[in-house]
Amino acid sequence: MAHYPLNHHLRQTYRFVAFLAGAYLLVAGVIGLADTWGDSFFGHDGHAWSLGLRVNPAGSWLLAVLGLVVVAATLIGGNVHHQVTLVAGWVMCGIAVLIMATLQTDANALDASMVNVLILLILGVVTLTAGLYGKVGSHQAARAEEAAAHPR
C-alpha cells in the first residue's frame, strides 16, 4: 500500500502549484476553443496555437476539461484534492504518452505536437506530486503515522 504523508507542511504550496497547472490548462483550452471555433472537431489544420500548445477543437476541449477538473479539485481542497490530482496527474501523463505514440500518424486526432507532449508530461508530474502531498487527516492520525514511520 502506498504511503502518503498526512498534513504535510507544504500541502498548501503544492495545492497552489496544482491550481496554477490547472488554470494554465483551462485558459489554454478556452483560448483554443475560441480560436478553433467552426473548425472540424478532429481537424489537422495545424494553424491554431494556444499558449504554446497546438490545438484543434477536440484538443481544446480536452485541455479545458482537464484544467477545470484540477482547478475545481484544488478549490475544494482536502482529500478531494488529494485523490483527484493523483488521478489527473496520471491521466495527463498517459495522454502525453498516447499523443507521442501517434504524433507522425493519421491517428493524431488532437493535432498535437511534441510541445504538447512535453507540457502535458510536466504538468502531469507537477499535478501528481501535488496530489502525493495533499492528504489531510486528524492531528492524532498524523502523530500516529509519524510514530509508526519513525519508531524510537
N, C-alpha and C. Protein backbone atom coordinates (compact mmCIF):
# COMPACT_ATOMS: atom_id res chain seq x y z
N MET A 1 0.85 -1.18 0.00
CA MET A 1 0.00 0.00 0.00
C MET A 1 0.89 1.24 0.00
N ALA A 2 0.50 2.22 -0.74
CA ALA A 2 1.28 3.45 -0.84
C ALA A 2 1.20 4.25 0.46
N HIS A 3 2.27 4.96 0.72
CA HIS A 3 2.31 5.81 1.91
C HIS A 3 2.26 7.27 1.47
N TYR A 4 1.22 7.95 1.89
CA TYR A 4 1.09 9.37 1.60
C TYR A 4 1.15 10.12 2.93
N PRO A 5 2.02 11.11 3.04
CA PRO A 5 2.11 11.81 4.32
C PRO A 5 0.82 12.58 4.63
N LEU A 6 0.43 12.53 5.89
CA LEU A 6 -0.75 13.26 6.35
C LEU A 6 -0.35 14.67 6.78
N ASN A 7 -1.13 15.63 6.40
CA ASN A 7 -0.95 17.02 6.84
C ASN A 7 0.47 17.53 6.60
N HIS A 8 1.00 17.27 5.41
CA HIS A 8 2.35 17.73 5.08
C HIS A 8 2.39 19.25 5.19
N HIS A 9 3.49 19.77 5.74
CA HIS A 9 3.55 21.22 6.00
C HIS A 9 3.57 22.06 4.73
N LEU A 10 3.87 21.49 3.57
CA LEU A 10 3.87 22.24 2.31
C LEU A 10 2.65 21.92 1.44
N ARG A 11 1.62 21.29 2.01
CA ARG A 11 0.49 20.87 1.17
C ARG A 11 -0.24 22.05 0.55
N GLN A 12 -0.29 23.20 1.22
CA GLN A 12 -0.95 24.37 0.63
C GLN A 12 -0.13 24.91 -0.55
N THR A 13 1.17 24.83 -0.44
CA THR A 13 2.03 25.27 -1.55
C THR A 13 1.83 24.35 -2.75
N TYR A 14 1.82 23.05 -2.51
CA TYR A 14 1.58 22.10 -3.60
C TYR A 14 0.19 22.30 -4.20
N ARG A 15 -0.77 22.56 -3.35
CA ARG A 15 -2.14 22.79 -3.83
C ARG A 15 -2.18 24.02 -4.74
N PHE A 16 -1.46 25.09 -4.37
CA PHE A 16 -1.41 26.29 -5.20
C PHE A 16 -0.74 26.01 -6.54
N VAL A 17 0.33 25.23 -6.53
CA VAL A 17 1.03 24.89 -7.77
C VAL A 17 0.12 24.05 -8.67
N ALA A 18 -0.65 23.13 -8.08
CA ALA A 18 -1.60 22.34 -8.87
C ALA A 18 -2.69 23.25 -9.44
N PHE A 19 -3.11 24.24 -8.66
CA PHE A 19 -4.09 25.21 -9.16
C PHE A 19 -3.54 25.95 -10.38
N LEU A 20 -2.28 26.37 -10.31
CA LEU A 20 -1.67 27.07 -11.45
C LEU A 20 -1.60 26.17 -12.68
N ALA A 21 -1.26 24.91 -12.48
CA ALA A 21 -1.20 23.97 -13.61
C ALA A 21 -2.60 23.80 -14.22
N GLY A 22 -3.60 23.64 -13.38
CA GLY A 22 -4.97 23.51 -13.87
C GLY A 22 -5.46 24.77 -14.56
N ALA A 23 -5.11 25.93 -14.00
CA ALA A 23 -5.52 27.20 -14.60
C ALA A 23 -4.89 27.37 -15.98
N TYR A 24 -3.61 26.98 -16.12
CA TYR A 24 -2.95 27.05 -17.42
C TYR A 24 -3.69 26.19 -18.44
N LEU A 25 -4.02 24.95 -18.06
CA LEU A 25 -4.74 24.06 -18.97
C LEU A 25 -6.11 24.62 -19.32
N LEU A 26 -6.82 25.14 -18.32
CA LEU A 26 -8.15 25.69 -18.55
C LEU A 26 -8.10 26.89 -19.49
N VAL A 27 -7.19 27.82 -19.25
CA VAL A 27 -7.09 29.01 -20.09
C VAL A 27 -6.64 28.63 -21.51
N ALA A 28 -5.69 27.71 -21.61
CA ALA A 28 -5.24 27.27 -22.95
C ALA A 28 -6.40 26.61 -23.70
N GLY A 29 -7.21 25.83 -23.00
CA GLY A 29 -8.36 25.20 -23.64
C GLY A 29 -9.40 26.20 -24.09
N VAL A 30 -9.70 27.18 -23.25
CA VAL A 30 -10.71 28.18 -23.61
C VAL A 30 -10.23 29.04 -24.78
N ILE A 31 -8.98 29.45 -24.74
CA ILE A 31 -8.43 30.23 -25.86
C ILE A 31 -8.42 29.39 -27.14
N GLY A 32 -8.05 28.13 -27.00
CA GLY A 32 -8.06 27.23 -28.16
C GLY A 32 -9.46 27.04 -28.73
N LEU A 33 -10.45 26.93 -27.85
CA LEU A 33 -11.83 26.81 -28.33
C LEU A 33 -12.26 28.06 -29.10
N ALA A 34 -11.90 29.22 -28.58
CA ALA A 34 -12.25 30.46 -29.27
C ALA A 34 -11.55 30.56 -30.62
N ASP A 35 -10.30 30.12 -30.66
CA ASP A 35 -9.52 30.22 -31.90
C ASP A 35 -9.95 29.20 -32.95
N THR A 36 -10.42 28.04 -32.52
CA THR A 36 -10.77 26.98 -33.48
C THR A 36 -12.27 26.84 -33.67
N TRP A 37 -13.04 27.79 -33.19
CA TRP A 37 -14.49 27.70 -33.32
C TRP A 37 -14.87 27.61 -34.79
N GLY A 38 -15.65 26.61 -35.15
CA GLY A 38 -16.08 26.42 -36.53
C GLY A 38 -15.21 25.46 -37.31
N ASP A 39 -14.04 25.10 -36.80
CA ASP A 39 -13.19 24.11 -37.47
C ASP A 39 -13.76 22.72 -37.25
N SER A 40 -13.31 21.77 -38.07
CA SER A 40 -13.75 20.39 -37.85
C SER A 40 -13.18 19.89 -36.53
N PHE A 41 -13.96 19.07 -35.81
CA PHE A 41 -13.63 18.70 -34.44
C PHE A 41 -12.27 18.03 -34.32
N PHE A 42 -11.96 17.12 -35.21
CA PHE A 42 -10.67 16.44 -35.20
C PHE A 42 -9.80 16.89 -36.37
N GLY A 43 -9.89 18.16 -36.73
CA GLY A 43 -9.16 18.68 -37.88
C GLY A 43 -7.65 18.63 -37.70
N HIS A 44 -6.96 18.58 -38.84
CA HIS A 44 -5.49 18.54 -38.85
C HIS A 44 -4.92 19.75 -39.57
N ASP A 45 -5.48 20.92 -39.28
CA ASP A 45 -5.01 22.13 -39.95
C ASP A 45 -3.64 22.58 -39.45
N GLY A 46 -3.37 22.43 -38.18
CA GLY A 46 -2.09 22.80 -37.61
C GLY A 46 -1.86 24.28 -37.52
N HIS A 47 -2.91 25.08 -37.66
CA HIS A 47 -2.71 26.53 -37.66
C HIS A 47 -3.04 27.17 -36.31
N ALA A 48 -3.72 26.47 -35.43
CA ALA A 48 -4.18 27.07 -34.17
C ALA A 48 -3.21 26.74 -33.04
N TRP A 49 -2.75 27.78 -32.37
CA TRP A 49 -1.87 27.63 -31.21
C TRP A 49 -2.49 28.38 -30.05
N SER A 50 -2.40 27.81 -28.86
CA SER A 50 -2.97 28.42 -27.68
C SER A 50 -1.98 28.28 -26.52
N LEU A 51 -1.42 29.40 -26.09
CA LEU A 51 -0.43 29.42 -25.00
C LEU A 51 0.70 28.42 -25.23
N GLY A 52 1.15 28.32 -26.47
CA GLY A 52 2.26 27.45 -26.82
C GLY A 52 1.88 26.04 -27.20
N LEU A 53 0.61 25.70 -27.13
CA LEU A 53 0.14 24.36 -27.47
C LEU A 53 -0.61 24.38 -28.79
N ARG A 54 -0.32 23.40 -29.65
CA ARG A 54 -1.06 23.30 -30.91
C ARG A 54 -2.38 22.59 -30.62
N VAL A 55 -3.47 23.17 -31.08
CA VAL A 55 -4.79 22.66 -30.71
C VAL A 55 -5.72 22.58 -31.92
N ASN A 56 -6.70 21.73 -31.79
CA ASN A 56 -7.89 21.71 -32.63
C ASN A 56 -9.07 21.70 -31.64
N PRO A 57 -10.30 21.73 -32.09
CA PRO A 57 -11.40 21.76 -31.12
C PRO A 57 -11.39 20.59 -30.13
N ALA A 58 -11.05 19.40 -30.58
CA ALA A 58 -11.01 18.25 -29.67
C ALA A 58 -9.93 18.43 -28.59
N GLY A 59 -8.75 18.86 -29.01
CA GLY A 59 -7.68 19.11 -28.06
C GLY A 59 -8.01 20.24 -27.10
N SER A 60 -8.69 21.26 -27.61
CA SER A 60 -9.07 22.38 -26.75
C SER A 60 -10.07 21.94 -25.69
N TRP A 61 -11.04 21.12 -26.08
CA TRP A 61 -12.00 20.61 -25.10
C TRP A 61 -11.30 19.75 -24.06
N LEU A 62 -10.37 18.92 -24.48
CA LEU A 62 -9.64 18.07 -23.55
C LEU A 62 -8.86 18.91 -22.54
N LEU A 63 -8.15 19.93 -23.04
CA LEU A 63 -7.40 20.80 -22.14
C LEU A 63 -8.32 21.53 -21.16
N ALA A 64 -9.44 22.03 -21.67
CA ALA A 64 -10.37 22.77 -20.82
C ALA A 64 -10.97 21.87 -19.74
N VAL A 65 -11.34 20.67 -20.10
CA VAL A 65 -11.93 19.76 -19.11
C VAL A 65 -10.90 19.34 -18.07
N LEU A 66 -9.70 18.97 -18.51
CA LEU A 66 -8.64 18.61 -17.56
C LEU A 66 -8.35 19.78 -16.62
N GLY A 67 -8.23 20.97 -17.17
CA GLY A 67 -7.96 22.14 -16.35
C GLY A 67 -9.08 22.43 -15.36
N LEU A 68 -10.31 22.31 -15.83
CA LEU A 68 -11.45 22.55 -14.95
C LEU A 68 -11.51 21.55 -13.80
N VAL A 69 -11.21 20.29 -14.08
CA VAL A 69 -11.21 19.26 -13.04
C VAL A 69 -10.15 19.57 -11.99
N VAL A 70 -8.94 19.91 -12.43
CA VAL A 70 -7.87 20.19 -11.48
C VAL A 70 -8.16 21.46 -10.68
N VAL A 71 -8.63 22.50 -11.34
CA VAL A 71 -8.95 23.75 -10.63
C VAL A 71 -10.06 23.51 -9.62
N ALA A 72 -11.10 22.80 -10.00
CA ALA A 72 -12.21 22.54 -9.08
C ALA A 72 -11.73 21.72 -7.88
N ALA A 73 -10.90 20.73 -8.11
CA ALA A 73 -10.40 19.91 -7.01
C ALA A 73 -9.53 20.72 -6.05
N THR A 74 -8.71 21.61 -6.59
CA THR A 74 -7.86 22.41 -5.71
C THR A 74 -8.68 23.43 -4.94
N LEU A 75 -9.74 23.93 -5.53
CA LEU A 75 -10.60 24.86 -4.80
C LEU A 75 -11.39 24.15 -3.70
N ILE A 76 -11.80 22.91 -3.94
CA ILE A 76 -12.48 22.14 -2.91
C ILE A 76 -11.51 21.77 -1.79
N GLY A 77 -10.30 21.35 -2.17
CA GLY A 77 -9.26 21.05 -1.20
C GLY A 77 -9.46 19.72 -0.50
N GLY A 78 -8.73 19.54 0.59
CA GLY A 78 -8.84 18.33 1.40
C GLY A 78 -8.46 17.08 0.64
N ASN A 79 -9.09 15.99 1.01
CA ASN A 79 -8.79 14.71 0.38
C ASN A 79 -9.37 14.60 -1.01
N VAL A 80 -10.34 15.45 -1.35
CA VAL A 80 -10.82 15.51 -2.74
C VAL A 80 -9.68 15.97 -3.63
N HIS A 81 -8.98 17.01 -3.20
CA HIS A 81 -7.80 17.49 -3.94
C HIS A 81 -6.77 16.37 -4.05
N HIS A 82 -6.52 15.67 -2.96
CA HIS A 82 -5.53 14.59 -2.95
C HIS A 82 -5.87 13.53 -3.99
N GLN A 83 -7.10 13.02 -3.96
CA GLN A 83 -7.49 11.93 -4.86
C GLN A 83 -7.58 12.38 -6.32
N VAL A 84 -8.20 13.52 -6.56
CA VAL A 84 -8.41 13.98 -7.94
C VAL A 84 -7.09 14.34 -8.61
N THR A 85 -6.20 15.00 -7.90
CA THR A 85 -4.93 15.37 -8.52
C THR A 85 -4.03 14.17 -8.75
N LEU A 86 -4.14 13.15 -7.91
CA LEU A 86 -3.40 11.91 -8.19
C LEU A 86 -3.87 11.30 -9.52
N VAL A 87 -5.17 11.18 -9.67
CA VAL A 87 -5.72 10.59 -10.90
C VAL A 87 -5.46 11.50 -12.10
N ALA A 88 -5.69 12.79 -11.95
CA ALA A 88 -5.50 13.73 -13.07
C ALA A 88 -4.04 13.76 -13.52
N GLY A 89 -3.11 13.68 -12.58
CA GLY A 89 -1.70 13.66 -12.95
C GLY A 89 -1.35 12.44 -13.79
N TRP A 90 -1.85 11.27 -13.38
CA TRP A 90 -1.60 10.06 -14.17
C TRP A 90 -2.29 10.13 -15.52
N VAL A 91 -3.49 10.69 -15.56
CA VAL A 91 -4.22 10.82 -16.82
C VAL A 91 -3.45 11.73 -17.78
N MET A 92 -2.95 12.86 -17.29
CA MET A 92 -2.18 13.77 -18.15
C MET A 92 -0.93 13.08 -18.70
N CYS A 93 -0.23 12.35 -17.85
CA CYS A 93 0.97 11.64 -18.32
C CYS A 93 0.60 10.57 -19.35
N GLY A 94 -0.50 9.87 -19.11
CA GLY A 94 -0.95 8.85 -20.06
C GLY A 94 -1.35 9.45 -21.40
N ILE A 95 -2.06 10.57 -21.36
CA ILE A 95 -2.45 11.24 -22.60
C ILE A 95 -1.21 11.71 -23.35
N ALA A 96 -0.23 12.22 -22.63
CA ALA A 96 1.01 12.68 -23.27
C ALA A 96 1.71 11.53 -23.98
N VAL A 97 1.75 10.37 -23.36
CA VAL A 97 2.40 9.21 -23.98
C VAL A 97 1.61 8.75 -25.21
N LEU A 98 0.28 8.75 -25.12
CA LEU A 98 -0.54 8.38 -26.28
C LEU A 98 -0.35 9.36 -27.43
N ILE A 99 -0.28 10.64 -27.10
CA ILE A 99 -0.04 11.65 -28.15
C ILE A 99 1.31 11.41 -28.81
N MET A 100 2.32 11.14 -27.98
CA MET A 100 3.66 10.92 -28.52
C MET A 100 3.69 9.69 -29.43
N ALA A 101 2.91 8.67 -29.09
CA ALA A 101 2.88 7.46 -29.90
C ALA A 101 2.21 7.68 -31.25
N THR A 102 1.38 8.71 -31.36
CA THR A 102 0.64 8.93 -32.60
C THR A 102 1.05 10.21 -33.33
N LEU A 103 2.13 10.84 -32.93
CA LEU A 103 2.49 12.15 -33.49
C LEU A 103 2.58 12.17 -35.01
N GLN A 104 3.30 11.26 -35.58
CA GLN A 104 3.55 11.29 -37.03
C GLN A 104 2.60 10.40 -37.82
N THR A 105 1.40 10.15 -37.26
CA THR A 105 0.44 9.27 -37.92
C THR A 105 -0.88 10.00 -38.12
N ASP A 106 -1.77 9.35 -38.84
CA ASP A 106 -3.12 9.89 -39.01
C ASP A 106 -3.95 9.74 -37.75
N ALA A 107 -3.48 8.95 -36.80
CA ALA A 107 -4.20 8.75 -35.54
C ALA A 107 -4.03 9.92 -34.58
N ASN A 108 -3.28 10.93 -34.96
CA ASN A 108 -3.08 12.11 -34.13
C ASN A 108 -4.35 12.96 -34.18
N ALA A 109 -5.39 12.50 -33.51
CA ALA A 109 -6.71 13.14 -33.58
C ALA A 109 -6.72 14.53 -32.94
N LEU A 110 -5.81 14.78 -32.00
CA LEU A 110 -5.78 16.08 -31.31
C LEU A 110 -4.91 17.09 -32.03
N ASP A 111 -4.30 16.70 -33.15
CA ASP A 111 -3.43 17.58 -33.93
C ASP A 111 -2.36 18.19 -33.05
N ALA A 112 -1.78 17.38 -32.18
CA ALA A 112 -0.81 17.86 -31.20
C ALA A 112 0.60 17.82 -31.76
N SER A 113 1.50 18.47 -31.05
CA SER A 113 2.91 18.47 -31.42
C SER A 113 3.72 17.97 -30.22
N MET A 114 5.02 17.88 -30.40
CA MET A 114 5.88 17.42 -29.31
C MET A 114 5.85 18.40 -28.14
N VAL A 115 5.60 19.66 -28.41
CA VAL A 115 5.47 20.64 -27.33
C VAL A 115 4.30 20.26 -26.42
N ASN A 116 3.20 19.83 -27.01
CA ASN A 116 2.06 19.38 -26.22
C ASN A 116 2.44 18.22 -25.31
N VAL A 117 3.22 17.29 -25.85
CA VAL A 117 3.66 16.14 -25.07
C VAL A 117 4.48 16.60 -23.87
N LEU A 118 5.45 17.45 -24.10
CA LEU A 118 6.31 17.91 -23.02
C LEU A 118 5.54 18.69 -21.96
N ILE A 119 4.67 19.59 -22.40
CA ILE A 119 3.89 20.39 -21.44
C ILE A 119 2.97 19.49 -20.63
N LEU A 120 2.29 18.55 -21.28
CA LEU A 120 1.39 17.66 -20.54
C LEU A 120 2.15 16.76 -19.58
N LEU A 121 3.33 16.29 -19.97
CA LEU A 121 4.14 15.49 -19.04
C LEU A 121 4.57 16.31 -17.84
N ILE A 122 5.04 17.52 -18.07
CA ILE A 122 5.49 18.36 -16.96
C ILE A 122 4.32 18.69 -16.04
N LEU A 123 3.20 19.13 -16.61
CA LEU A 123 2.04 19.48 -15.78
C LEU A 123 1.46 18.24 -15.10
N GLY A 124 1.53 17.09 -15.75
CA GLY A 124 1.07 15.86 -15.14
C GLY A 124 1.89 15.47 -13.92
N VAL A 125 3.20 15.58 -14.04
CA VAL A 125 4.07 15.26 -12.91
C VAL A 125 3.89 16.28 -11.78
N VAL A 126 3.75 17.55 -12.12
CA VAL A 126 3.51 18.57 -11.11
C VAL A 126 2.19 18.30 -10.38
N THR A 127 1.14 17.99 -11.12
CA THR A 127 -0.16 17.71 -10.53
C THR A 127 -0.12 16.44 -9.69
N LEU A 128 0.55 15.43 -10.18
CA LEU A 128 0.69 14.19 -9.43
C LEU A 128 1.45 14.41 -8.13
N THR A 129 2.52 15.17 -8.19
CA THR A 129 3.30 15.47 -6.98
C THR A 129 2.46 16.24 -5.97
N ALA A 130 1.67 17.18 -6.45
CA ALA A 130 0.79 17.93 -5.55
C ALA A 130 -0.19 16.99 -4.86
N GLY A 131 -0.68 16.01 -5.60
CA GLY A 131 -1.60 15.05 -5.01
C GLY A 131 -0.95 14.16 -3.98
N LEU A 132 0.33 13.83 -4.20
CA LEU A 132 1.03 12.98 -3.25
C LEU A 132 1.13 13.61 -1.87
N TYR A 133 1.25 14.91 -1.82
CA TYR A 133 1.44 15.61 -0.54
C TYR A 133 0.18 16.33 -0.07
N GLY A 134 -0.96 16.02 -0.65
CA GLY A 134 -2.18 16.74 -0.31
C GLY A 134 -3.11 16.04 0.65
N LYS A 135 -2.73 14.88 1.16
CA LYS A 135 -3.63 14.11 2.02
C LYS A 135 -3.80 14.81 3.37
N VAL A 136 -5.05 14.88 3.82
CA VAL A 136 -5.39 15.56 5.06
C VAL A 136 -5.98 14.55 6.03
N GLY A 137 -5.60 14.66 7.29
CA GLY A 137 -6.14 13.79 8.34
C GLY A 137 -6.14 14.52 9.66
N SER A 138 -6.65 13.86 10.67
CA SER A 138 -6.68 14.47 12.00
C SER A 138 -5.26 14.56 12.57
N HIS A 139 -5.09 15.39 13.56
CA HIS A 139 -3.77 15.53 14.18
C HIS A 139 -3.35 14.24 14.87
N GLN A 140 -4.32 13.54 15.45
CA GLN A 140 -4.00 12.27 16.11
C GLN A 140 -3.51 11.24 15.08
N ALA A 141 -4.18 11.17 13.94
CA ALA A 141 -3.78 10.23 12.89
C ALA A 141 -2.40 10.58 12.35
N ALA A 142 -2.12 11.87 12.21
CA ALA A 142 -0.81 12.30 11.71
C ALA A 142 0.29 11.93 12.72
N ARG A 143 0.02 12.12 14.00
CA ARG A 143 1.01 11.77 15.03
C ARG A 143 1.22 10.25 15.07
N ALA A 144 0.13 9.49 14.95
CA ALA A 144 0.27 8.03 14.95
C ALA A 144 1.05 7.56 13.72
N GLU A 145 0.80 8.17 12.58
CA GLU A 145 1.53 7.81 11.37
C GLU A 145 3.01 8.15 11.52
N GLU A 146 3.30 9.30 12.06
CA GLU A 146 4.70 9.71 12.27
C GLU A 146 5.40 8.76 13.22
N ALA A 147 4.72 8.36 14.28
CA ALA A 147 5.31 7.43 15.24
C ALA A 147 5.56 6.07 14.60
N ALA A 148 4.65 5.63 13.74
CA ALA A 148 4.82 4.34 13.07
C ALA A 148 5.94 4.40 12.03
N ALA A 149 6.07 5.53 11.38
CA ALA A 149 7.09 5.67 10.33
C ALA A 149 8.48 5.83 10.91
N HIS A 150 8.58 6.46 12.06
CA HIS A 150 9.89 6.72 12.68
C HIS A 150 9.88 6.24 14.13
N PRO A 151 9.93 4.92 14.33
CA PRO A 151 9.92 4.43 15.72
C PRO A 151 11.22 4.79 16.43
N ARG A 152 11.13 4.98 17.72
CA ARG A 152 12.33 5.37 18.50
C ARG A 152 12.88 4.19 19.23
